[in-house]
């Protein structure tokens, strides 16, 4: 075994002899770098959440759009918000969809609201 490890790399053999210890400092540093690269700093997260919130607030379904297409847009914003650490409740999403439907859906919205006490 000794000859095999020494033939691969002397550092491998030295690690076994000196009881190699895993460096947690390097792991934490690597994690911090990855977090900033993929999610951004906390200031960036807050900024992205604010932008998402404003997009969510002004979101309206167009006359040409199907409910499925609109629902995909709503859920995209909700999922991105969840990824950034702020989960939107189901009731908030349902209320947004009902408020954002075009006028041709008014009768259905009223029926849903009355049936579910919204």
PDB file of N, CA and C in Angstrom:
ATOM      1  N   UNK A   1       0.836  -1.185   0.000  1.00  0.00           N
ATOM      2  CA  UNK A   1       0.000   0.000   0.000  1.00  0.00           C
ATOM      3  C   UNK A   1       0.884   1.254   0.000  1.00  0.00           C
ATOM      4  N   UNK A   2       1.919   1.204   0.822  1.00  0.00           N
ATOM      5  CA  UNK A   2       2.819   2.349   0.919  1.00  0.00           C
ATOM      6  C   UNK A   2       3.432   2.671  -0.439  1.00  0.00           C
ATOM      7  N   UNK A   3       3.909   1.649  -1.139  1.00  0.00           N
ATOM      8  CA  UNK A   3       4.532   1.857  -2.445  1.00  0.00           C
ATOM      9  C   UNK A   3       3.519   2.421  -3.448  1.00  0.00           C
ATOM     10  N   UNK A   4       2.297   1.914  -3.393  1.00  0.00           N
ATOM     11  CA  UNK A   4       1.259   2.391  -4.311  1.00  0.00           C
ATOM     12  C   UNK A   4       0.972   3.878  -4.083  1.00  0.00           C
ATOM     13  N   UNK A   5       0.753   4.271  -2.821  1.00  0.00           N
ATOM     14  CA  UNK A   5       0.457   5.663  -2.514  1.00  0.00           C
ATOM     15  C   UNK A   5       1.631   6.576  -2.843  1.00  0.00           C
ATOM     16  N   UNK A   6       2.844   6.102  -2.575  1.00  0.00           N
ATOM     17  CA  UNK A   6       4.020   6.911  -2.886  1.00  0.00           C
ATOM     18  C   UNK A   6       4.189   7.069  -4.397  1.00  0.00           C
ATOM     19  N   UNK A   7       3.774   6.041  -5.152  1.00  0.00           N
ATOM     20  CA  UNK A   7       3.906   6.144  -6.606  1.00  0.00           C
ATOM     21  C   UNK A   7       2.888   7.136  -7.186  1.00  0.00           C
ATOM     22  N   UNK A   8       1.756   7.279  -6.524  1.00  0.00           N
ATOM     23  CA  UNK A   8       0.752   8.235  -6.988  1.00  0.00           C
ATOM     24  C   UNK A   8       1.190   9.666  -6.718  1.00  0.00           C
ATOM     25  N   UNK A   9       1.516   9.896  -5.455  1.00  0.00           N
ATOM     26  CA  UNK A   9       1.810  11.262  -5.052  1.00  0.00           C
ATOM     27  C   UNK A   9       2.351  11.214  -3.631  1.00  0.00           C
ATOM     28  N   UNK A  10       3.447  11.880  -3.398  1.00  0.00           N
ATOM     29  CA  UNK A  10       4.031  11.886  -2.049  1.00  0.00           C
ATOM     30  C   UNK A  10       3.093  12.562  -1.053  1.00  0.00           C
ATOM     31  N   UNK A  11       2.308  13.529  -1.520  1.00  0.00           N
ATOM     32  CA  UNK A  11       1.384  14.216  -0.611  1.00  0.00           C
ATOM     33  C   UNK A  11       0.344  13.247  -0.051  1.00  0.00           C
ATOM     34  N   UNK A  12      -0.053  12.271  -0.856  1.00  0.00           N
ATOM     35  CA  UNK A  12      -1.026  11.280  -0.375  1.00  0.00           C
ATOM     36  C   UNK A  12      -0.442  10.494   0.792  1.00  0.00           C
ATOM     37  N   UNK A  13       0.793  10.072   0.630  1.00  0.00           N
ATOM     38  CA  UNK A  13       1.431   9.291   1.690  1.00  0.00           C
ATOM     39  C   UNK A  13       1.637  10.147   2.938  1.00  0.00           C
ATOM     40  N   UNK A  14       2.079  11.398   2.766  1.00  0.00           N
ATOM     41  CA  UNK A  14       2.276  12.283   3.910  1.00  0.00           C
ATOM     42  C   UNK A  14       0.954  12.550   4.635  1.00  0.00           C
ATOM     43  N   UNK A  15      -0.114  12.640   3.897  1.00  0.00           N
ATOM     44  CA  UNK A  15      -1.423  12.872   4.512  1.00  0.00           C
ATOM     45  C   UNK A  15      -1.821  11.700   5.396  1.00  0.00           C
ATOM     46  N   UNK A  16      -1.517  10.496   4.962  1.00  0.00           N
ATOM     47  CA  UNK A  16      -1.842   9.310   5.769  1.00  0.00           C
ATOM     48  C   UNK A  16      -0.964   9.253   7.005  1.00  0.00           C
ATOM     49  N   UNK A  17       0.307   9.525   6.840  1.00  0.00           N
ATOM     50  CA  UNK A  17       1.238   9.472   7.968  1.00  0.00           C
ATOM     51  C   UNK A  17       0.905  10.543   9.003  1.00  0.00           C
ATOM     52  N   UNK A  18       0.628  11.753   8.551  1.00  0.00           N
ATOM     53  CA  UNK A  18       0.417  12.860   9.491  1.00  0.00           C
ATOM     54  C   UNK A  18      -1.049  13.050   9.867  1.00  0.00           C
ATOM     55  N   UNK A  19      -1.878  12.057   9.598  1.00  0.00           N
ATOM     56  CA  UNK A  19      -3.304  12.107   9.930  1.00  0.00           C
ATOM     57  C   UNK A  19      -3.936  13.372   9.368  1.00  0.00           C
ATOM     58  N   UNK A  20      -4.156  13.339   8.101  1.00  0.00           N
ATOM     59  CA  UNK A  20      -4.683  14.477   7.358  1.00  0.00           C
ATOM     60  C   UNK A  20      -5.977  14.986   7.966  1.00  0.00           C
ATOM     61  N   UNK A  21      -6.053  16.300   8.097  1.00  0.00           N
ATOM     62  CA  UNK A  21      -7.260  16.945   8.607  1.00  0.00           C
ATOM     63  C   UNK A  21      -7.864  17.783   7.495  1.00  0.00           C
ATOM     64  N   UNK A  22      -9.151  17.638   7.350  1.00  0.00           N
ATOM     65  CA  UNK A  22      -9.871  18.382   6.318  1.00  0.00           C
ATOM     66  C   UNK A  22     -10.020  19.835   6.757  1.00  0.00           C
ATOM     67  N   UNK A  23      -9.686  20.753   5.891  1.00  0.00           N
ATOM     68  CA  UNK A  23      -9.754  22.176   6.215  1.00  0.00           C
ATOM     69  C   UNK A  23     -11.177  22.696   6.025  1.00  0.00           C
ATOM     70  N   UNK A  24     -11.810  23.056   7.128  1.00  0.00           N
ATOM     71  CA  UNK A  24     -13.167  23.599   7.026  1.00  0.00           C
ATOM     72  C   UNK A  24     -13.136  25.054   6.572  1.00  0.00           C
ATOM     73  N   UNK A  25     -12.029  25.723   6.813  1.00  0.00           N
ATOM     74  CA  UNK A  25     -11.921  27.124   6.400  1.00  0.00           C
ATOM     75  C   UNK A  25     -12.026  27.246   4.885  1.00  0.00           C
ATOM     76  N   UNK A  26     -11.382  26.330   4.169  1.00  0.00           N
ATOM     77  CA  UNK A  26     -11.443  26.362   2.712  1.00  0.00           C
ATOM     78  C   UNK A  26     -12.860  26.073   2.229  1.00  0.00           C
ATOM     79  N   UNK A  27     -13.553  25.143   2.905  1.00  0.00           N
ATOM     80  CA  UNK A  27     -14.933  24.825   2.525  1.00  0.00           C
ATOM     81  C   UNK A  27     -15.836  26.035   2.704  1.00  0.00           C
ATOM     82  N   UNK A  28     -15.679  26.718   3.831  1.00  0.00           N
ATOM     83  CA  UNK A  28     -16.510  27.891   4.097  1.00  0.00           C
ATOM     84  C   UNK A  28     -16.232  28.991   3.080  1.00  0.00           C
ATOM     85  N   UNK A  29     -14.966  29.177   2.745  1.00  0.00           N
ATOM     86  CA  UNK A  29     -14.605  30.186   1.754  1.00  0.00           C
ATOM     87  C   UNK A  29     -15.190  29.828   0.394  1.00  0.00           C
ATOM     88  N   UNK A  30     -15.078  28.562   0.017  1.00  0.00           N
ATOM     89  CA  UNK A  30     -15.631  28.123  -1.266  1.00  0.00           C
ATOM     90  C   UNK A  30     -17.141  28.310  -1.286  1.00  0.00           C
ATOM     91  N   UNK A  31     -17.798  27.976  -0.172  1.00  0.00           N
ATOM     92  CA  UNK A  31     -19.250  28.140  -0.101  1.00  0.00           C
ATOM     93  C   UNK A  31     -19.633  29.617  -0.245  1.00  0.00           C
ATOM     94  N   UNK A  32     -18.901  30.492   0.430  1.00  0.00           N
ATOM     95  CA  UNK A  32     -19.181  31.928   0.341  1.00  0.00           C
ATOM     96  C   UNK A  32     -19.040  32.433  -1.095  1.00  0.00           C
ATOM     97  N   UNK A  33     -18.001  31.968  -1.782  1.00  0.00           N
ATOM     98  CA  UNK A  33     -17.776  32.377  -3.168  1.00  0.00           C
ATOM     99  C   UNK A  33     -18.918  31.895  -4.056  1.00  0.00           C
ATOM    100  N   UNK A  34     -19.323  30.636  -3.880  1.00  0.00           N
ATOM    101  CA  UNK A  34     -20.426  30.091  -4.679  1.00  0.00           C
ATOM    102  C   UNK A  34     -21.735  30.816  -4.391  1.00  0.00           C
ATOM    103  N   UNK A  35     -21.980  31.104  -3.133  1.00  0.00           N
ATOM    104  CA  UNK A  35     -23.218  31.786  -2.757  1.00  0.00           C
ATOM    105  C   UNK A  35     -23.304  33.164  -3.409  1.00  0.00           C
ATOM    106  N   UNK A  36     -22.204  33.898  -3.363  1.00  0.00           N
ATOM    107  CA  UNK A  36     -22.190  35.234  -3.968  1.00  0.00           C
ATOM    108  C   UNK A  36     -22.321  35.127  -5.485  1.00  0.00           C
ATOM    109  N   UNK A  37     -21.664  34.121  -6.075  1.00  0.00           N
ATOM    110  CA  UNK A  37     -21.702  33.979  -7.530  1.00  0.00           C
ATOM    111  C   UNK A  37     -23.097  33.629  -8.035  1.00  0.00           C
ATOM    112  N   UNK A  38     -23.803  32.770  -7.307  1.00  0.00           N
ATOM    113  CA  UNK A  38     -25.089  32.300  -7.807  1.00  0.00           C
ATOM    114  C   UNK A  38     -26.290  33.012  -7.209  1.00  0.00           C
ATOM    115  N   UNK A  39     -26.178  33.528  -6.015  1.00  0.00           N
ATOM    116  CA  UNK A  39     -27.311  34.192  -5.381  1.00  0.00           C
ATOM    117  C   UNK A  39     -27.054  35.666  -5.139  1.00  0.00           C
ATOM    118  N   UNK A  40     -25.817  36.046  -5.068  1.00  0.00           N
ATOM    119  CA  UNK A  40     -25.480  37.432  -4.783  1.00  0.00           C
ATOM    120  C   UNK A  40     -25.365  37.675  -3.291  1.00  0.00           C
ATOM    121  N   UNK A  41     -24.905  38.841  -2.939  1.00  0.00           N
ATOM    122  CA  UNK A  41     -24.798  39.214  -1.537  1.00  0.00           C
ATOM    123  C   UNK A  41     -26.194  39.496  -0.997  1.00  0.00           C
ATOM    124  N   UNK A  42     -26.291  39.721   0.291  1.00  0.00           N
ATOM    125  CA  UNK A  42     -27.605  39.986   0.884  1.00  0.00           C
ATOM    126  C   UNK A  42     -28.223  41.257   0.304  1.00  0.00           C
ATOM    127  N   UNK A  43     -27.404  42.255  -0.011  1.00  0.00           N
ATOM    128  CA  UNK A  43     -27.930  43.480  -0.624  1.00  0.00           C
ATOM    129  C   UNK A  43     -28.500  43.190  -2.011  1.00  0.00           C
ATOM    130  N   UNK A  44     -27.806  42.340  -2.754  1.00  0.00           N
ATOM    131  CA  UNK A  44     -28.286  41.973  -4.088  1.00  0.00           C
ATOM    132  C   UNK A  44     -29.591  41.190  -3.972  1.00  0.00           C
ATOM    133  N   UNK A  45     -29.665  40.285  -3.002  1.00  0.00           N
ATOM    134  CA  UNK A  45     -30.893  39.508  -2.790  1.00  0.00           C
ATOM    135  C   UNK A  45     -32.067  40.426  -2.470  1.00  0.00           C
ATOM    136  N   UNK A  46     -31.841  41.375  -1.593  1.00  0.00           N
ATOM    137  CA  UNK A  46     -32.910  42.314  -1.217  1.00  0.00           C
ATOM    138  C   UNK A  46     -33.356  43.108  -2.438  1.00  0.00           C
ATOM    139  N   UNK A  47     -32.399  43.551  -3.228  1.00  0.00           N
ATOM    140  CA  UNK A  47     -32.722  44.311  -4.433  1.00  0.00           C
ATOM    141  C   UNK A  47     -33.522  43.459  -5.416  1.00  0.00           C
ATOM    142  N   UNK A  48     -33.090  42.216  -5.610  1.00  0.00           N
ATOM    143  CA  UNK A  48     -33.815  41.325  -6.522  1.00  0.00           C
ATOM    144  C   UNK A  48     -35.222  41.042  -6.007  1.00  0.00           C
ATOM    145  N   UNK A  49     -35.375  40.883  -4.702  1.00  0.00           N
ATOM    146  CA  UNK A  49     -36.705  40.660  -4.126  1.00  0.00           C
ATOM    147  C   UNK A  49     -37.607  41.876  -4.334  1.00  0.00           C
ATOM    148  N   UNK A  50     -37.042  43.060  -4.192  1.00  0.00           N
ATOM    149  CA  UNK A  50     -37.830  44.279  -4.420  1.00  0.00           C
ATOM    150  C   UNK A  50     -38.292  44.375  -5.873  1.00  0.00           C
ATOM    151  N   UNK A  51     -37.409  44.034  -6.789  1.00  0.00           N
ATOM    152  CA  UNK A  51     -37.768  44.058  -8.208  1.00  0.00           C
ATOM    153  C   UNK A  51     -38.857  43.026  -8.490  1.00  0.00           C
ATOM    154  N   UNK A  52     -38.692  41.823  -7.938  1.00  0.00           N
ATOM    155  CA  UNK A  52     -39.712  40.782  -8.125  1.00  0.00           C
ATOM    156  C   UNK A  52     -41.059  41.219  -7.562  1.00  0.00           C
ATOM    157  N   UNK A  53     -41.031  41.831  -6.393  1.00  0.00           N
ATOM    158  CA  UNK A  53     -42.272  42.292  -5.767  1.00  0.00           C
ATOM    159  C   UNK A  53     -42.966  43.326  -6.643  1.00  0.00           C
ATOM    160  N   UNK A  54     -42.198  44.246  -7.201  1.00  0.00           N
ATOM    161  CA  UNK A  54     -42.824  45.260  -8.064  1.00  0.00           C
ATOM    162  C   UNK A  54     -43.368  44.629  -9.342  1.00  0.00           C
ATOM    163  N   UNK A  55     -42.643  43.647  -9.907  1.00  0.00           N
ATOM    164  CA  UNK A  55     -43.158  42.938 -11.077  1.00  0.00           C
ATOM    165  C   UNK A  55     -44.446  42.194 -10.735  1.00  0.00           C
ATOM    166  N   UNK A  56     -44.474  41.586  -9.561  1.00  0.00           N
ATOM    167  CA  UNK A  56     -45.653  40.840  -9.122  1.00  0.00           C
ATOM    168  C   UNK A  56     -46.848  41.777  -8.952  1.00  0.00           C
ATOM    169  N   UNK A  57     -46.603  42.937  -8.382  1.00  0.00           N
ATOM    170  CA  UNK A  57     -47.692  43.886  -8.121  1.00  0.00           C
ATOM    171  C   UNK A  57     -48.324  44.425  -9.397  1.00  0.00           C
ATOM    172  N   UNK A  58     -47.535  44.650 -10.436  1.00  0.00           N
ATOM    173  CA  UNK A  58     -48.077  45.223 -11.675  1.00  0.00           C
ATOM    174  C   UNK A  58     -48.492  44.166 -12.698  1.00  0.00           C
ATOM    175  N   UNK A  59     -48.295  42.916 -12.366  1.00  0.00           N
ATOM    176  CA  UNK A  59     -48.608  41.824 -13.284  1.00  0.00           C
ATOM    177  C   UNK A  59     -50.100  41.773 -13.597  1.00  0.00           C
ATOM    178  N   UNK A  60     -50.431  41.761 -14.874  1.00  0.00           N
ATOM    179  CA  UNK A  60     -51.823  41.668 -15.333  1.00  0.00           C
ATOM    180  C   UNK A  60     -51.892  40.682 -16.492  1.00  0.00           C
ATOM    181  N   UNK A  61     -52.992  39.962 -16.552  1.00  0.00           N
ATOM    182  CA  UNK A  61     -53.209  39.048 -17.665  1.00  0.00           C
ATOM    183  C   UNK A  61     -53.717  39.841 -18.865  1.00  0.00           C
ATOM    184  N   UNK A  62     -53.174  39.558 -20.039  1.00  0.00           N
ATOM    185  CA  UNK A  62     -53.631  40.239 -21.252  1.00  0.00           C
ATOM    186  C   UNK A  62     -54.830  39.501 -21.843  1.00  0.00           C
ATOM    187  N   UNK A  63     -55.555  40.168 -22.710  1.00  0.00           N
ATOM    188  CA  UNK A  63     -56.735  39.566 -23.350  1.00  0.00           C
ATOM    189  C   UNK A  63     -56.355  38.360 -24.209  1.00  0.00           C
ATOM    190  N   UNK A  64     -55.175  38.392 -24.820  1.00  0.00           N
ATOM    191  CA  UNK A  64     -54.745  37.314 -25.719  1.00  0.00           C
ATOM    192  C   UNK A  64     -54.154  36.123 -24.972  1.00  0.00           C
ATOM    193  N   UNK A  65     -53.818  36.309 -23.740  1.00  0.00           N
ATOM    194  CA  UNK A  65     -53.125  35.299 -22.941  1.00  0.00           C
ATOM    195  C   UNK A  65     -54.117  34.286 -22.365  1.00  0.00           C
ATOM    196  N   UNK A  66     -53.690  33.017 -22.311  1.00  0.00           N
ATOM    197  CA  UNK A  66     -54.528  32.005 -21.664  1.00  0.00           C
ATOM    198  C   UNK A  66     -54.249  32.018 -20.167  1.00  0.00           C
ATOM    199  N   UNK A  67     -55.152  31.416 -19.411  1.00  0.00           N
ATOM    200  CA  UNK A  67     -54.951  31.343 -17.958  1.00  0.00           C
ATOM    201  C   UNK A  67     -53.699  30.542 -17.639  1.00  0.00           C
ATOM    202  N   UNK A  68     -53.448  29.493 -18.408  1.00  0.00           N
ATOM    203  CA  UNK A  68     -52.250  28.672 -18.186  1.00  0.00           C
ATOM    204  C   UNK A  68     -50.987  29.508 -18.381  1.00  0.00           C
ATOM    205  N   UNK A  69     -50.936  30.294 -19.436  1.00  0.00           N
ATOM    206  CA  UNK A  69     -49.764  31.139 -19.697  1.00  0.00           C
ATOM    207  C   UNK A  69     -49.572  32.172 -18.589  1.00  0.00           C
ATOM    208  N   UNK A  70     -50.671  32.762 -18.161  1.00  0.00           N
ATOM    209  CA  UNK A  70     -50.581  33.752 -17.085  1.00  0.00           C
ATOM    210  C   UNK A  70     -50.135  33.097 -15.782  1.00  0.00           C
ATOM    211  N   UNK A  71     -50.676  31.923 -15.504  1.00  0.00           N
ATOM    212  CA  UNK A  71     -50.304  31.198 -14.288  1.00  0.00           C
ATOM    213  C   UNK A  71     -48.812  30.867 -14.284  1.00  0.00           C
ATOM    214  N   UNK A  72     -48.271  30.528 -15.446  1.00  0.00           N
ATOM    215  CA  UNK A  72     -46.831  30.249 -15.551  1.00  0.00           C
ATOM    216  C   UNK A  72     -46.029  31.495 -15.179  1.00  0.00           C
ATOM    217  N   UNK A  73     -46.463  32.654 -15.657  1.00  0.00           N
ATOM    218  CA  UNK A  73     -45.758  33.909 -15.315  1.00  0.00           C
ATOM    219  C   UNK A  73     -45.820  34.192 -13.816  1.00  0.00           C
ATOM    220  N   UNK A  74     -46.986  33.970 -13.222  1.00  0.00           N
ATOM    221  CA  UNK A  74     -47.140  34.196 -11.778  1.00  0.00           C
ATOM    222  C   UNK A  74     -46.241  33.240 -11.000  1.00  0.00           C
ATOM    223  N   UNK A  75     -46.260  31.966 -11.379  1.00  0.00           N
ATOM    224  CA  UNK A  75     -45.459  30.969 -10.660  1.00  0.00           C
ATOM    225  C   UNK A  75     -43.962  31.169 -10.862  1.00  0.00           C
ATOM    226  N   UNK A  76     -43.552  31.682 -12.014  1.00  0.00           N
ATOM    227  CA  UNK A  76     -42.130  31.992 -12.228  1.00  0.00           C
ATOM    228  C   UNK A  76     -41.646  33.015 -11.204  1.00  0.00           C
ATOM    229  N   UNK A  77     -42.434  34.050 -10.999  1.00  0.00           N
ATOM    230  CA  UNK A  77     -42.071  35.075 -10.017  1.00  0.00           C
ATOM    231  C   UNK A  77     -42.085  34.485  -8.611  1.00  0.00           C
ATOM    232  N   UNK A  78     -43.106  33.685  -8.300  1.00  0.00           N
ATOM    233  CA  UNK A  78     -43.201  33.076  -6.970  1.00  0.00           C
ATOM    234  C   UNK A  78     -42.028  32.138  -6.707  1.00  0.00           C
ATOM    235  N   UNK A  79     -41.637  31.356  -7.697  1.00  0.00           N
ATOM    236  CA  UNK A  79     -40.518  30.426  -7.525  1.00  0.00           C
ATOM    237  C   UNK A  79     -39.196  31.160  -7.352  1.00  0.00           C
ATOM    238  N   UNK A  80     -38.999  32.214  -8.103  1.00  0.00           N
ATOM    239  CA  UNK A  80     -37.761  32.987  -7.952  1.00  0.00           C
ATOM    240  C   UNK A  80     -37.710  33.651  -6.580  1.00  0.00           C
ATOM    241  N   UNK A  81     -38.849  34.135  -6.129  1.00  0.00           N
ATOM    242  CA  UNK A  81     -38.931  34.732  -4.797  1.00  0.00           C
ATOM    243  C   UNK A  81     -38.613  33.690  -3.722  1.00  0.00           C
ATOM    244  N   UNK A  82     -39.140  32.494  -3.900  1.00  0.00           N
ATOM    245  CA  UNK A  82     -38.874  31.398  -2.957  1.00  0.00           C
ATOM    246  C   UNK A  82     -37.390  31.036  -2.949  1.00  0.00           C
ATOM    247  N   UNK A  83     -36.773  31.039  -4.117  1.00  0.00           N
ATOM    248  CA  UNK A  83     -35.341  30.754  -4.226  1.00  0.00           C
ATOM    249  C   UNK A  83     -34.517  31.777  -3.452  1.00  0.00           C
ATOM    250  N   UNK A  84     -34.981  33.010  -3.427  1.00  0.00           N
ATOM    251  CA  UNK A  84     -34.269  34.076  -2.717  1.00  0.00           C
ATOM    252  C   UNK A  84     -34.627  34.124  -1.234  1.00  0.00           C
ATOM    253  N   UNK A  85     -35.478  33.196  -0.790  1.00  0.00           N
ATOM    254  CA  UNK A  85     -35.765  33.085   0.636  1.00  0.00           C
ATOM    255  C   UNK A  85     -37.065  33.698   1.100  1.00  0.00           C
ATOM    256  N   UNK A  86     -37.894  34.179   0.195  1.00  0.00           N
ATOM    257  CA  UNK A  86     -39.175  34.762   0.593  1.00  0.00           C
ATOM    258  C   UNK A  86     -40.304  34.027  -0.121  1.00  0.00           C
ATOM    259  N   UNK A  87     -40.975  33.150   0.616  1.00  0.00           N
ATOM    260  CA  UNK A  87     -42.049  32.344   0.033  1.00  0.00           C
ATOM    261  C   UNK A  87     -43.346  33.137  -0.010  1.00  0.00           C
ATOM    262  N   UNK A  88     -44.004  33.091  -1.172  1.00  0.00           N
ATOM    263  CA  UNK A  88     -45.320  33.721  -1.318  1.00  0.00           C
ATOM    264  C   UNK A  88     -46.383  32.687  -0.966  1.00  0.00           C
ATOM    265  N   UNK A  89     -47.340  33.089  -0.162  1.00  0.00           N
ATOM    266  CA  UNK A  89     -48.385  32.150   0.254  1.00  0.00           C
ATOM    267  C   UNK A  89     -49.313  31.829  -0.916  1.00  0.00           C
ATOM    268  N   UNK A  90     -49.938  30.657  -0.823  1.00  0.00           N
ATOM    269  CA  UNK A  90     -50.886  30.251  -1.860  1.00  0.00           C
ATOM    270  C   UNK A  90     -52.045  31.236  -1.961  1.00  0.00           C
ATOM    271  N   UNK A  91     -52.512  31.718  -0.816  1.00  0.00           N
ATOM    272  CA  UNK A  91     -53.646  32.649  -0.849  1.00  0.00           C
ATOM    273  C   UNK A  91     -53.265  33.953  -1.555  1.00  0.00           C
ATOM    274  N   UNK A  92     -52.036  34.406  -1.364  1.00  0.00           N
ATOM    275  CA  UNK A  92     -51.576  35.622  -2.049  1.00  0.00           C
ATOM    276  C   UNK A  92     -51.548  35.398  -3.563  1.00  0.00           C
ATOM    277  N   UNK A  93     -51.084  34.218  -3.979  1.00  0.00           N
ATOM    278  CA  UNK A  93     -51.019  33.904  -5.405  1.00  0.00           C
ATOM    279  C   UNK A  93     -52.414  33.796  -6.016  1.00  0.00           C
ATOM    280  N   UNK A  94     -53.324  33.145  -5.296  1.00  0.00           N
ATOM    281  CA  UNK A  94     -54.699  33.000  -5.790  1.00  0.00           C
ATOM    282  C   UNK A  94     -55.357  34.366  -5.916  1.00  0.00           C
ATOM    283  N   UNK A  95     -55.200  35.198  -4.894  1.00  0.00           N
ATOM    284  CA  UNK A  95     -55.789  36.537  -4.942  1.00  0.00           C
ATOM    285  C   UNK A  95     -55.221  37.355  -6.098  1.00  0.00           C
ATOM    286  N   UNK A  96     -53.926  37.219  -6.335  1.00  0.00           N
ATOM    287  CA  UNK A  96     -53.300  37.952  -7.438  1.00  0.00           C
ATOM    288  C   UNK A  96     -53.886  37.510  -8.771  1.00  0.00           C
ATOM    289  N   UNK A  97     -54.019  36.197  -8.962  1.00  0.00           N
ATOM    290  CA  UNK A  97     -54.571  35.690 -10.218  1.00  0.00           C
ATOM    291  C   UNK A  97     -56.001  36.190 -10.400  1.00  0.00           C
ATOM    292  N   UNK A  98     -56.813  36.094  -9.356  1.00  0.00           N
ATOM    293  CA  UNK A  98     -58.210  36.525  -9.467  1.00  0.00           C
ATOM    294  C   UNK A  98     -58.325  38.027  -9.754  1.00  0.00           C
ATOM    295  N   UNK A  99     -57.476  38.835  -9.134  1.00  0.00           N
ATOM    296  CA  UNK A  99     -57.509  40.290  -9.356  1.00  0.00           C
ATOM    297  C   UNK A  99     -56.988  40.688 -10.730  1.00  0.00           C
ATOM    298  N   UNK A 100     -56.162  39.841 -11.320  1.00  0.00           N
ATOM    299  CA  UNK A 100     -55.467  40.203 -12.558  1.00  0.00           C
ATOM    300  C   UNK A 100     -56.144  39.693 -13.821  1.00  0.00           C
ATOM    301  N   UNK A 101     -57.223  38.963 -13.674  1.00  0.00           N
ATOM    302  CA  UNK A 101     -57.913  38.431 -14.847  1.00  0.00           C
ATOM    303  C   UNK A 101     -58.642  39.550 -15.593  1.00  0.00           C
ATOM    304  N   UNK A 102     -58.741  39.438 -16.910  1.00  0.00           N
ATOM    305  CA  UNK A 102     -59.483  40.444 -17.693  1.00  0.00           C
ATOM    306  C   UNK A 102     -60.970  40.441 -17.332  1.00  0.00           C
ATOM    307  N   UNK A 103     -61.661  41.476 -17.764  1.00  0.00           N
ATOM    308  CA  UNK A 103     -63.074  41.655 -17.396  1.00  0.00           C
ATOM    309  C   UNK A 103     -63.974  40.531 -17.899  1.00  0.00           C
ATOM    310  N   UNK A 104     -63.574  39.831 -18.939  1.00  0.00           N
ATOM    311  CA  UNK A 104     -64.411  38.738 -19.441  1.00  0.00           C
ATOM    312  C   UNK A 104     -64.550  37.597 -18.427  1.00  0.00           C
ATOM    313  N   UNK A 105     -63.707  37.594 -17.381  1.00  0.00           N
ATOM    314  CA  UNK A 105     -63.770  36.561 -16.346  1.00  0.00           C
ATOM    315  C   UNK A 105     -64.485  37.037 -15.078  1.00  0.00           C
ATOM    316  N   UNK A 106     -65.047  38.235 -15.083  1.00  0.00           N
ATOM    317  CA  UNK A 106     -65.654  38.799 -13.869  1.00  0.00           C
ATOM    318  C   UNK A 106     -66.693  37.883 -13.221  1.00  0.00           C
ATOM    319  N   UNK A 107     -67.560  37.283 -14.017  1.00  0.00           N
ATOM    320  CA  UNK A 107     -68.597  36.398 -13.468  1.00  0.00           C
ATOM    321  C   UNK A 107     -67.968  35.196 -12.765  1.00  0.00           C
ATOM    322  N   UNK A 108     -66.948  34.630 -13.370  1.00  0.00           N
ATOM    323  CA  UNK A 108     -66.290  33.454 -12.790  1.00  0.00           C
ATOM    324  C   UNK A 108     -65.527  33.831 -11.519  1.00  0.00           C
ATOM    325  N   UNK A 109     -64.869  34.973 -11.538  1.00  0.00           N
ATOM    326  CA  UNK A 109     -64.143  35.448 -10.357  1.00  0.00           C
ATOM    327  C   UNK A 109     -65.113  35.650  -9.200  1.00  0.00           C
ATOM    328  N   UNK A 110     -66.243  36.276  -9.471  1.00  0.00           N
ATOM    329  CA  UNK A 110     -67.254  36.510  -8.434  1.00  0.00           C
ATOM    330  C   UNK A 110     -67.757  35.189  -7.865  1.00  0.00           C
ATOM    331  N   UNK A 111     -68.012  34.221  -8.727  1.00  0.00           N
ATOM    332  CA  UNK A 111     -68.487  32.909  -8.272  1.00  0.00           C
ATOM    333  C   UNK A 111     -67.445  32.218  -7.403  1.00  0.00           C
ATOM    334  N   UNK A 112     -66.188  32.289  -7.801  1.00  0.00           N
ATOM    335  CA  UNK A 112     -65.108  31.666  -7.019  1.00  0.00           C
ATOM    336  C   UNK A 112     -64.977  32.350  -5.665  1.00  0.00           C
ATOM    337  N   UNK A 113     -65.007  33.679  -5.652  1.00  0.00           N
ATOM    338  CA  UNK A 113     -64.874  34.422  -4.392  1.00  0.00           C
ATOM    339  C   UNK A 113     -66.025  34.116  -3.442  1.00  0.00           C
ATOM    340  N   UNK A 114     -67.242  34.049  -3.951  1.00  0.00           N
ATOM    341  CA  UNK A 114     -68.394  33.767  -3.093  1.00  0.00           C
ATOM    342  C   UNK A 114     -68.379  32.331  -2.589  1.00  0.00           C
ATOM    343  N   UNK A 115     -67.973  31.405  -3.435  1.00  0.00           N
ATOM    344  CA  UNK A 115     -67.942  29.997  -3.041  1.00  0.00           C
ATOM    345  C   UNK A 115     -66.868  29.723  -1.991  1.00  0.00           C
ATOM    346  N   UNK A 116     -65.805  30.504  -2.020  1.00  0.00           N
ATOM    347  CA  UNK A 116     -64.678  30.256  -1.112  1.00  0.00           C
ATOM    348  C   UNK A 116     -64.508  31.328  -0.050  1.00  0.00           C
ATOM    349  N   UNK A 117     -65.457  32.219   0.083  1.00  0.00           N
ATOM    350  CA  UNK A 117     -65.403  33.291   1.084  1.00  0.00           C
ATOM    351  C   UNK A 117     -64.108  34.100   1.007  1.00  0.00           C
ATOM    352  N   UNK A 118     -63.754  34.530  -0.173  1.00  0.00           N
ATOM    353  CA  UNK A 118     -62.509  35.305  -0.341  1.00  0.00           C
ATOM    354  C   UNK A 118     -62.762  36.784  -0.228  1.00  0.00           C
TER     355      UNK A 118
END
